[in-house]
């Protein structure tokens, strides 16, 4: 299926999302903050990035801006999931394919992922 980078500093939430995506046949690479995610994105060029907003070192918003400013990776779709900062992210529609508020339904994120990576 698709290679997906999941960036979230909350390990259990990241693992839960990775499990859901892997059960659907996707390959998941996890990152514990935005800078780590950016390194992984440049190494393997995923089909999709799913990021939390609030993370140490580099936030999800900063990660999306870094992706969009890099000609090599600027076309990679980014989904932001956030508990409280979704409104801020929605002010930057050019950065995100979608913004989901936590908690989200597993089926909602799977439907969105499958639509974006073309497996729906």
Protein backbone atom coordinates (compact mmCIF):
# COMPACT_ATOMS: atom_id res chain seq x y z
CA UNK A 1 0.00 0.00 0.00
CA UNK A 2 1.55 3.34 1.06
CA UNK A 3 4.44 4.54 3.17
CA UNK A 4 3.14 6.93 5.84
CA UNK A 5 5.14 8.99 8.36
CA UNK A 6 3.36 9.51 11.69
CA UNK A 7 4.76 12.32 13.86
CA UNK A 8 3.49 12.48 17.43
CA UNK A 9 5.31 12.86 20.72
CA UNK A 10 2.60 10.88 22.54
CA UNK A 11 3.93 7.36 22.05
CA UNK A 12 0.71 5.48 22.79
CA UNK A 13 -1.34 7.60 20.39
CA UNK A 14 1.28 7.20 17.68
CA UNK A 15 1.38 3.43 18.21
CA UNK A 16 -2.40 3.18 18.07
CA UNK A 17 -2.50 5.09 14.79
CA UNK A 18 0.39 3.04 13.38
CA UNK A 19 -1.41 -0.19 14.29
CA UNK A 20 -4.60 0.98 12.59
CA UNK A 21 -2.72 1.96 9.43
CA UNK A 22 -0.62 -1.21 9.36
CA UNK A 23 -3.75 -3.33 9.74
CA UNK A 24 -4.90 -1.71 6.48
CA UNK A 25 -1.64 -2.73 4.80
CA UNK A 26 0.27 0.54 5.00
CA UNK A 27 3.90 0.82 6.05
CA UNK A 28 4.35 3.29 8.92
CA UNK A 29 7.48 5.14 10.01
CA UNK A 30 7.13 6.88 13.36
CA UNK A 31 8.78 10.11 14.49
CA UNK A 32 8.63 11.65 17.96
CA UNK A 33 8.77 15.29 16.85
CA UNK A 34 8.68 17.38 13.68
CA UNK A 35 12.42 17.56 13.10
CA UNK A 36 12.71 13.79 13.36
CA UNK A 37 9.78 13.45 10.95
CA UNK A 38 11.43 15.81 8.45
CA UNK A 39 14.57 13.66 8.49
CA UNK A 40 12.52 10.51 7.89
CA UNK A 41 10.54 12.21 5.09
CA UNK A 42 13.74 13.19 3.30
CA UNK A 43 15.18 9.68 3.71
CA UNK A 44 12.21 7.72 2.34
CA UNK A 45 9.73 10.14 0.69
CA UNK A 46 6.40 8.87 2.02
CA UNK A 47 3.05 9.07 0.26
CA UNK A 48 1.55 10.86 3.28
CA UNK A 49 2.50 12.55 6.55
CA UNK A 50 0.21 12.53 9.59
CA UNK A 51 1.34 14.90 12.32
CA UNK A 52 0.26 16.14 15.70
CA UNK A 53 0.37 19.89 16.30
CA UNK A 54 2.05 20.25 19.69
CA UNK A 55 5.43 18.48 19.76
CA UNK A 56 8.86 19.40 21.09
CA UNK A 57 11.68 20.61 18.81
CA UNK A 58 9.38 21.30 15.82
CA UNK A 59 5.59 21.56 15.88
CA UNK A 60 3.28 20.07 13.28
CA UNK A 61 2.70 23.55 11.85
CA UNK A 62 6.46 24.13 11.54
CA UNK A 63 6.85 20.68 9.97
CA UNK A 64 4.20 21.43 7.35
CA UNK A 65 5.85 24.78 6.54
CA UNK A 66 9.22 23.04 6.17
CA UNK A 67 7.73 20.44 3.84
CA UNK A 68 6.04 23.08 1.67
CA UNK A 69 9.25 25.13 1.41
CA UNK A 70 11.34 22.18 0.16
CA UNK A 71 10.99 21.59 -3.60
CA UNK A 72 11.90 17.90 -3.22
CA UNK A 73 9.02 17.08 -0.87
CA UNK A 74 6.56 19.98 -1.12
CA UNK A 75 3.87 17.92 -2.84
CA UNK A 76 3.55 15.32 -0.04
CA UNK A 77 0.10 15.57 1.54
CA UNK A 78 -0.03 16.36 5.25
CA UNK A 79 -2.86 15.56 7.65
CA UNK A 80 -2.78 17.34 10.99
CA UNK A 81 -4.44 15.77 14.04
CA UNK A 82 -4.78 17.94 17.10
CA UNK A 83 -6.51 18.03 20.43
CA UNK A 84 -6.73 21.80 20.79
CA UNK A 85 -4.92 23.58 17.96
CA UNK A 86 -7.01 22.46 15.00
CA UNK A 87 -8.41 25.98 14.65
CA UNK A 88 -4.92 27.41 14.25
CA UNK A 89 -4.05 24.81 11.62
CA UNK A 90 -7.24 25.56 9.68
CA UNK A 91 -5.92 29.10 9.18
CA UNK A 92 -3.30 27.54 6.86
CA UNK A 93 -5.31 25.47 4.34
CA UNK A 94 -2.39 25.56 1.91
CA UNK A 95 -0.31 23.49 4.34
CA UNK A 96 -2.70 20.66 5.17
CA UNK A 97 -4.71 18.22 3.12
CA UNK A 98 -6.99 17.89 6.15
CA UNK A 99 -7.20 18.74 9.84
CA UNK A 100 -8.79 16.26 12.25
CA UNK A 101 -9.64 17.01 15.85
CA UNK A 102 -8.72 14.50 18.54
CA UNK A 103 -10.37 12.30 19.45
CA UNK A 104 -11.21 11.12 15.96
CA UNK A 105 -12.97 7.94 14.89
CA UNK A 106 -10.60 5.33 13.50
CA UNK A 107 -12.77 4.87 10.43
CA UNK A 108 -12.69 8.62 9.71
CA UNK A 109 -8.90 8.71 9.54
CA UNK A 110 -8.77 5.48 7.53
CA UNK A 111 -11.26 6.85 5.00
CA UNK A 112 -9.25 10.06 4.72
CA UNK A 113 -5.92 8.24 4.35
CA UNK A 114 -7.31 5.87 1.74
CA UNK A 115 -8.80 8.77 -0.23
CA UNK A 116 -5.48 10.65 -0.21
CA UNK A 117 -3.23 7.72 -1.09
CA UNK A 118 -5.68 6.36 -3.65
CA UNK A 119 -6.57 3.03 -2.12
CA UNK A 120 -10.24 3.74 -1.44
